[in-house]
């Protein structure tokens, strides 16, 4: 199950293990590629999160500049 990509909690329950540590200790030491695959999958998420954070920062900076321009334009309008 682990080799097929099943979650360790699901696998642990199906095997009747009382704790997921038992499952990890027994099977992940035998199935090295399972740990490697999990690490690679996690590594793929990191750039996505970083990219999302960078995009959020760009949007915030753009909004700040827009507000600054709007404020500046409001100050230039002649008062009647």
C-alpha atoms as a PDB file:
ATOM      1  CA  UNK A   1       0.000   0.000   0.000  1.00  0.00           C
ATOM      2  CA  UNK A   2       2.774   2.419   0.876  1.00  0.00           C
ATOM      3  CA  UNK A   3       4.580   1.608  -2.343  1.00  0.00           C
ATOM      4  CA  UNK A   4       1.401   2.482  -4.224  1.00  0.00           C
ATOM      5  CA  UNK A   5       1.326   5.911  -2.560  1.00  0.00           C
ATOM      6  CA  UNK A   6      -1.261   5.218   0.131  1.00  0.00           C
ATOM      7  CA  UNK A   7      -1.185   7.449   3.207  1.00  0.00           C
ATOM      8  CA  UNK A   8       0.693   5.872   6.122  1.00  0.00           C
ATOM      9  CA  UNK A   9      -2.294   6.407   8.463  1.00  0.00           C
ATOM     10  CA  UNK A  10      -4.588   4.457   6.142  1.00  0.00           C
ATOM     11  CA  UNK A  11      -2.009   1.724   5.675  1.00  0.00           C
ATOM     12  CA  UNK A  12      -1.391   1.523   9.411  1.00  0.00           C
ATOM     13  CA  UNK A  13      -5.096   1.123  10.123  1.00  0.00           C
ATOM     14  CA  UNK A  14      -5.526  -1.511   7.417  1.00  0.00           C
ATOM     15  CA  UNK A  15      -2.665  -3.528   8.874  1.00  0.00           C
ATOM     16  CA  UNK A  16      -4.027  -3.225  12.394  1.00  0.00           C
ATOM     17  CA  UNK A  17      -1.059  -1.327  13.770  1.00  0.00           C
ATOM     18  CA  UNK A  18      -1.806   0.678  16.903  1.00  0.00           C
ATOM     19  CA  UNK A  19       0.453   3.533  15.842  1.00  0.00           C
ATOM     20  CA  UNK A  20       1.682   4.836  12.493  1.00  0.00           C
ATOM     21  CA  UNK A  21       5.243   4.748  13.845  1.00  0.00           C
ATOM     22  CA  UNK A  22       5.090   0.959  13.776  1.00  0.00           C
ATOM     23  CA  UNK A  23       4.139   1.007  10.113  1.00  0.00           C
ATOM     24  CA  UNK A  24       6.809   3.563   9.257  1.00  0.00           C
ATOM     25  CA  UNK A  25       9.510   1.738  11.193  1.00  0.00           C
ATOM     26  CA  UNK A  26       8.765  -1.612   9.569  1.00  0.00           C
ATOM     27  CA  UNK A  27       7.924  -0.733   5.987  1.00  0.00           C
ATOM     28  CA  UNK A  28       9.673   2.494   5.173  1.00  0.00           C
ATOM     29  CA  UNK A  29      13.013   1.021   6.160  1.00  0.00           C
ATOM     30  CA  UNK A  30      12.358  -1.819   3.697  1.00  0.00           C
ATOM     31  CA  UNK A  31      10.804   0.347   0.989  1.00  0.00           C
ATOM     32  CA  UNK A  32      13.413   3.104   0.698  1.00  0.00           C
ATOM     33  CA  UNK A  33      11.815   4.517  -2.432  1.00  0.00           C
ATOM     34  CA  UNK A  34       8.655   5.322  -0.420  1.00  0.00           C
ATOM     35  CA  UNK A  35      10.582   7.780   1.728  1.00  0.00           C
ATOM     36  CA  UNK A  36      12.340   9.171  -1.317  1.00  0.00           C
ATOM     37  CA  UNK A  37       9.056   9.667  -3.148  1.00  0.00           C
ATOM     38  CA  UNK A  38       7.567  11.435  -0.130  1.00  0.00           C
ATOM     39  CA  UNK A  39      10.578  13.736   0.104  1.00  0.00           C
ATOM     40  CA  UNK A  40      10.386  14.552  -3.612  1.00  0.00           C
ATOM     41  CA  UNK A  41       6.662  15.271  -3.389  1.00  0.00           C
ATOM     42  CA  UNK A  42       7.277  17.616  -0.457  1.00  0.00           C
ATOM     43  CA  UNK A  43      10.094  19.364  -2.304  1.00  0.00           C
ATOM     44  CA  UNK A  44       7.763  20.047  -5.213  1.00  0.00           C
ATOM     45  CA  UNK A  45       5.392  21.878  -2.846  1.00  0.00           C
ATOM     46  CA  UNK A  46       8.024  24.241  -1.488  1.00  0.00           C
ATOM     47  CA  UNK A  47       8.569  26.241  -4.700  1.00  0.00           C
ATOM     48  CA  UNK A  48       4.813  26.504  -5.179  1.00  0.00           C
ATOM     49  CA  UNK A  49       4.403  27.970  -1.718  1.00  0.00           C
ATOM     50  CA  UNK A  50       7.315  30.332  -2.250  1.00  0.00           C
ATOM     51  CA  UNK A  51       5.890  31.382  -5.608  1.00  0.00           C
ATOM     52  CA  UNK A  52       2.493  32.052  -4.019  1.00  0.00           C
ATOM     53  CA  UNK A  53       4.101  34.154  -1.285  1.00  0.00           C
ATOM     54  CA  UNK A  54       6.050  36.145  -3.875  1.00  0.00           C
ATOM     55  CA  UNK A  55       2.868  36.731  -5.872  1.00  0.00           C
ATOM     56  CA  UNK A  56       1.065  37.928  -2.730  1.00  0.00           C
ATOM     57  CA  UNK A  57       3.935  40.332  -2.015  1.00  0.00           C
ATOM     58  CA  UNK A  58       3.788  41.685  -5.593  1.00  0.00           C
ATOM     59  CA  UNK A  59       0.037  42.218  -5.313  1.00  0.00           C
ATOM     60  CA  UNK A  60       0.422  44.017  -1.982  1.00  0.00           C
ATOM     61  CA  UNK A  61       3.137  46.266  -3.412  1.00  0.00           C
ATOM     62  CA  UNK A  62       0.996  47.039  -6.465  1.00  0.00           C
ATOM     63  CA  UNK A  63      -1.975  47.934  -4.242  1.00  0.00           C
ATOM     64  CA  UNK A  64       0.247  50.141  -2.071  1.00  0.00           C
ATOM     65  CA  UNK A  65       1.539  52.010  -5.125  1.00  0.00           C
ATOM     66  CA  UNK A  66      -1.973  52.426  -6.503  1.00  0.00           C
ATOM     67  CA  UNK A  67      -3.194  53.866  -3.198  1.00  0.00           C
ATOM     68  CA  UNK A  68      -0.219  56.223  -3.096  1.00  0.00           C
ATOM     69  CA  UNK A  69      -0.955  57.447  -6.643  1.00  0.00           C
ATOM     70  CA  UNK A  70      -4.634  57.933  -5.800  1.00  0.00           C
ATOM     71  CA  UNK A  71      -3.731  59.928  -2.703  1.00  0.00           C
ATOM     72  CA  UNK A  72      -1.278  62.047  -4.683  1.00  0.00           C
ATOM     73  CA  UNK A  73      -3.877  62.684  -7.419  1.00  0.00           C
ATOM     74  CA  UNK A  74      -6.400  63.726  -4.749  1.00  0.00           C
ATOM     75  CA  UNK A  75      -3.994  66.255  -3.303  1.00  0.00           C
ATOM     76  CA  UNK A  76      -3.414  67.892  -6.704  1.00  0.00           C
ATOM     77  CA  UNK A  77      -7.117  68.580  -7.369  1.00  0.00           C
ATOM     78  CA  UNK A  78      -7.977  72.242  -6.874  1.00  0.00           C
ATOM     79  CA  UNK A  79     -10.384  72.959  -4.049  1.00  0.00           C
ATOM     80  CA  UNK A  80     -13.482  74.997  -4.878  1.00  0.00           C
END
